[in-house]
Amino acid sequence: MANEKTEVKKPIASTEMDLGLFEATQFKHRTQEIQVPSLKKFYPKNTIPIIIVRNLEGAEIAAIDLEVGMNKEARKQVADIASEDVVKAMKTLFHFISGDDVPDSHVRALNIVHKGIVSPAFTFEGVVKLATTYPIEFKQLFNTIIQLTGLGAIEEK
């Protein structure tokens, strides 16, 4: 018996998913707390400053893609004709980011972070200010939201 080898079977690829089980399963957002010590001055004393983020859903990702496209088109059309008040209204209503120097990837990141923050409840303008004034923390939030989105939702227990 000492010479017997236990044969380990390698898993094989399968398309035989239990779709009934999948469709009956309840899911919730995957969340994570991110410590942001550099923002400590904006939190109550004697607390550990955190921002809670979550994964995004497919419809939210599609909406972000649409917002990026709308922002790009709006920048083209507004450049020559809009007054300062119109641009300000567009920023508020449509999360419009003005300026030719703002890459689409940054507009996408702003929208991802805005949709992915659970708490505290940032406005879109607050997310823009966070990205401008604390770019490392902003990038950390962005990266975590992307990672959580890639992992998907979690099963409710």
Protein backbone atom coordinates (compact mmCIF):
# COMPACT_ATOMS: atom_id res chain seq x y z
CA MET A 1 0.00 0.00 0.00
CA ALA A 2 2.88 2.38 0.55
CA ASN A 3 3.58 2.35 -3.17
CA GLU A 4 0.01 3.16 -4.18
CA LYS A 5 -0.36 6.56 -5.72
CA THR A 6 -3.57 8.45 -5.38
CA GLU A 7 -4.58 9.68 -8.77
CA VAL A 8 -5.84 13.25 -8.76
CA LYS A 9 -8.34 13.99 -11.47
CA LYS A 10 -7.92 17.28 -13.23
CA PRO A 11 -11.10 19.33 -13.60
CA ILE A 12 -12.53 19.45 -17.08
CA ALA A 13 -14.19 22.40 -18.77
CA SER A 14 -17.98 22.32 -18.71
CA THR A 15 -20.91 24.38 -19.96
CA GLU A 16 -23.37 22.49 -17.74
CA MET A 17 -24.21 25.41 -15.46
CA ASP A 18 -27.17 25.11 -13.10
CA LEU A 19 -29.03 28.10 -14.53
CA GLY A 20 -32.02 27.57 -12.24
CA LEU A 21 -29.78 27.84 -9.19
CA PHE A 22 -28.01 30.87 -10.62
CA GLU A 23 -31.27 32.69 -11.40
CA ALA A 24 -32.73 31.85 -7.97
CA THR A 25 -29.65 33.08 -6.09
CA GLN A 26 -29.90 36.52 -4.50
CA PHE A 27 -26.81 38.71 -4.85
CA LYS A 28 -25.62 41.90 -3.19
CA HIS A 29 -22.86 44.36 -3.94
CA ARG A 30 -19.34 43.44 -2.95
CA THR A 31 -17.98 46.26 -0.76
CA GLN A 32 -14.68 47.26 0.73
CA GLU A 33 -13.54 49.88 3.24
CA ILE A 34 -10.60 52.01 2.11
CA GLN A 35 -8.63 53.88 4.76
CA VAL A 36 -7.86 57.43 3.69
CA PRO A 37 -5.60 58.88 6.41
CA SER A 38 -4.73 61.91 4.30
CA LEU A 39 -8.39 63.02 4.53
CA LYS A 40 -8.38 62.77 8.35
CA LYS A 41 -8.95 66.50 8.82
CA PHE A 42 -12.39 66.13 7.19
CA TYR A 43 -13.55 63.38 9.60
CA PRO A 44 -14.52 63.54 13.29
CA LYS A 45 -11.61 63.52 15.73
CA ASN A 46 -10.42 60.16 17.04
CA THR A 47 -11.80 58.23 14.08
CA ILE A 48 -10.18 56.22 11.33
CA PRO A 49 -11.17 57.90 8.06
CA ILE A 50 -12.61 55.44 5.56
CA ILE A 51 -14.50 55.50 2.30
CA ILE A 52 -16.65 52.49 1.45
CA VAL A 53 -16.79 51.48 -2.21
CA ARG A 54 -18.65 48.75 -4.09
CA ASN A 55 -18.65 46.84 -7.35
CA LEU A 56 -20.58 48.27 -10.30
CA GLU A 57 -23.35 46.52 -12.20
CA GLY A 58 -23.49 46.04 -15.97
CA ALA A 59 -26.12 48.74 -16.47
CA GLU A 60 -24.00 51.23 -14.52
CA ILE A 61 -20.97 50.49 -16.69
CA ALA A 62 -23.10 51.00 -19.81
CA ALA A 63 -24.42 54.29 -18.41
CA ILE A 64 -20.84 55.44 -17.75
CA ASP A 65 -19.88 54.62 -21.34
CA LEU A 66 -22.87 56.68 -22.50
CA GLU A 67 -21.95 59.59 -20.21
CA VAL A 68 -18.38 59.60 -21.52
CA GLY A 69 -19.66 59.69 -25.11
CA MET A 70 -22.17 62.44 -24.29
CA ASN A 71 -19.47 64.46 -22.54
CA LYS A 72 -17.18 64.17 -25.56
CA GLU A 73 -19.93 65.25 -27.96
CA ALA A 74 -21.11 68.04 -25.66
CA ARG A 75 -17.58 69.45 -25.38
CA LYS A 76 -17.44 69.72 -29.17
CA GLN A 77 -20.82 71.42 -29.49
CA VAL A 78 -20.53 73.72 -26.49
CA ALA A 79 -17.01 74.98 -27.10
CA ASP A 80 -18.01 77.91 -29.28
CA ILE A 81 -21.60 78.70 -28.33
CA ALA A 82 -22.16 78.25 -24.60
CA SER A 83 -22.01 80.88 -21.95
CA GLU A 84 -20.42 80.23 -18.58
CA ASP A 85 -23.88 79.73 -17.04
CA VAL A 86 -24.79 77.06 -19.62
CA VAL A 87 -21.55 75.18 -19.00
CA LYS A 88 -22.14 75.36 -15.24
CA ALA A 89 -25.69 74.02 -15.67
CA MET A 90 -24.42 71.18 -17.90
CA LYS A 91 -21.79 70.25 -15.30
CA THR A 92 -24.46 70.00 -12.64
CA LEU A 93 -27.15 68.23 -14.66
CA PHE A 94 -25.10 65.90 -16.84
CA HIS A 95 -21.76 65.55 -15.04
CA PHE A 96 -20.30 67.45 -17.96
CA ILE A 97 -16.55 67.96 -17.73
CA SER A 98 -15.37 70.96 -19.72
CA GLY A 99 -11.99 71.52 -21.25
CA ASP A 100 -10.18 69.88 -24.13
CA ASP A 101 -7.40 68.78 -21.78
CA VAL A 102 -9.63 66.31 -19.91
CA PRO A 103 -9.08 62.81 -21.35
CA ASP A 104 -12.08 60.53 -21.80
CA SER A 105 -10.36 58.03 -19.49
CA HIS A 106 -10.48 60.61 -16.68
CA VAL A 107 -14.16 61.35 -17.34
CA ARG A 108 -14.78 57.59 -17.16
CA ALA A 109 -12.80 57.30 -13.89
CA LEU A 110 -14.74 60.20 -12.34
CA ASN A 111 -18.04 58.52 -13.19
CA ILE A 112 -16.86 55.12 -11.95
CA VAL A 113 -15.78 56.54 -8.59
CA HIS A 114 -18.96 58.58 -8.28
CA LYS A 115 -21.15 55.51 -8.85
CA GLY A 116 -18.92 53.19 -6.81
CA ILE A 117 -18.69 55.18 -3.57
CA VAL A 118 -21.16 53.94 -0.95
CA SER A 119 -20.22 56.21 1.95
CA PRO A 120 -19.75 59.08 2.47
CA ALA A 121 -22.19 60.15 -0.26
CA PHE A 122 -20.05 62.32 -2.54
CA THR A 123 -21.66 64.57 -5.13
CA PHE A 124 -20.17 64.37 -8.60
CA GLU A 125 -18.54 67.76 -7.98
CA GLY A 126 -17.06 66.35 -4.77
CA VAL A 127 -15.54 63.45 -6.71
CA VAL A 128 -14.03 65.93 -9.20
CA LYS A 129 -12.53 67.89 -6.30
CA LEU A 130 -11.23 64.67 -4.71
CA ALA A 131 -9.55 63.70 -8.00
CA THR A 132 -8.03 67.16 -8.30
CA THR A 133 -6.82 67.58 -4.73
CA TYR A 134 -6.12 63.99 -3.66
CA PRO A 135 -5.26 62.15 -6.88
CA ILE A 136 -3.57 59.18 -5.17
CA GLU A 137 -6.60 58.49 -2.97
CA PHE A 138 -8.88 58.96 -5.99
CA LYS A 139 -6.85 56.42 -7.97
CA GLN A 140 -6.92 54.00 -5.02
CA LEU A 141 -10.73 54.24 -4.90
CA PHE A 142 -10.95 53.81 -8.69
CA ASN A 143 -8.67 50.75 -8.68
CA THR A 144 -10.59 49.12 -5.83
CA ILE A 145 -13.96 49.69 -7.54
CA ILE A 146 -12.60 48.14 -10.75
CA GLN A 147 -11.22 45.18 -8.79
CA LEU A 148 -14.53 44.65 -6.96
CA THR A 149 -16.43 44.92 -10.24
CA GLY A 150 -14.19 42.25 -11.76
CA LEU A 151 -14.88 39.94 -8.83
CA GLY A 152 -18.64 40.41 -9.24
CA ALA A 153 -21.44 40.58 -6.72
CA ILE A 154 -21.55 38.23 -3.74
CA GLU A 155 -24.26 35.78 -2.75
CA GLU A 156 -26.60 36.98 -0.02
CA LYS A 157 -26.63 34.64 2.93
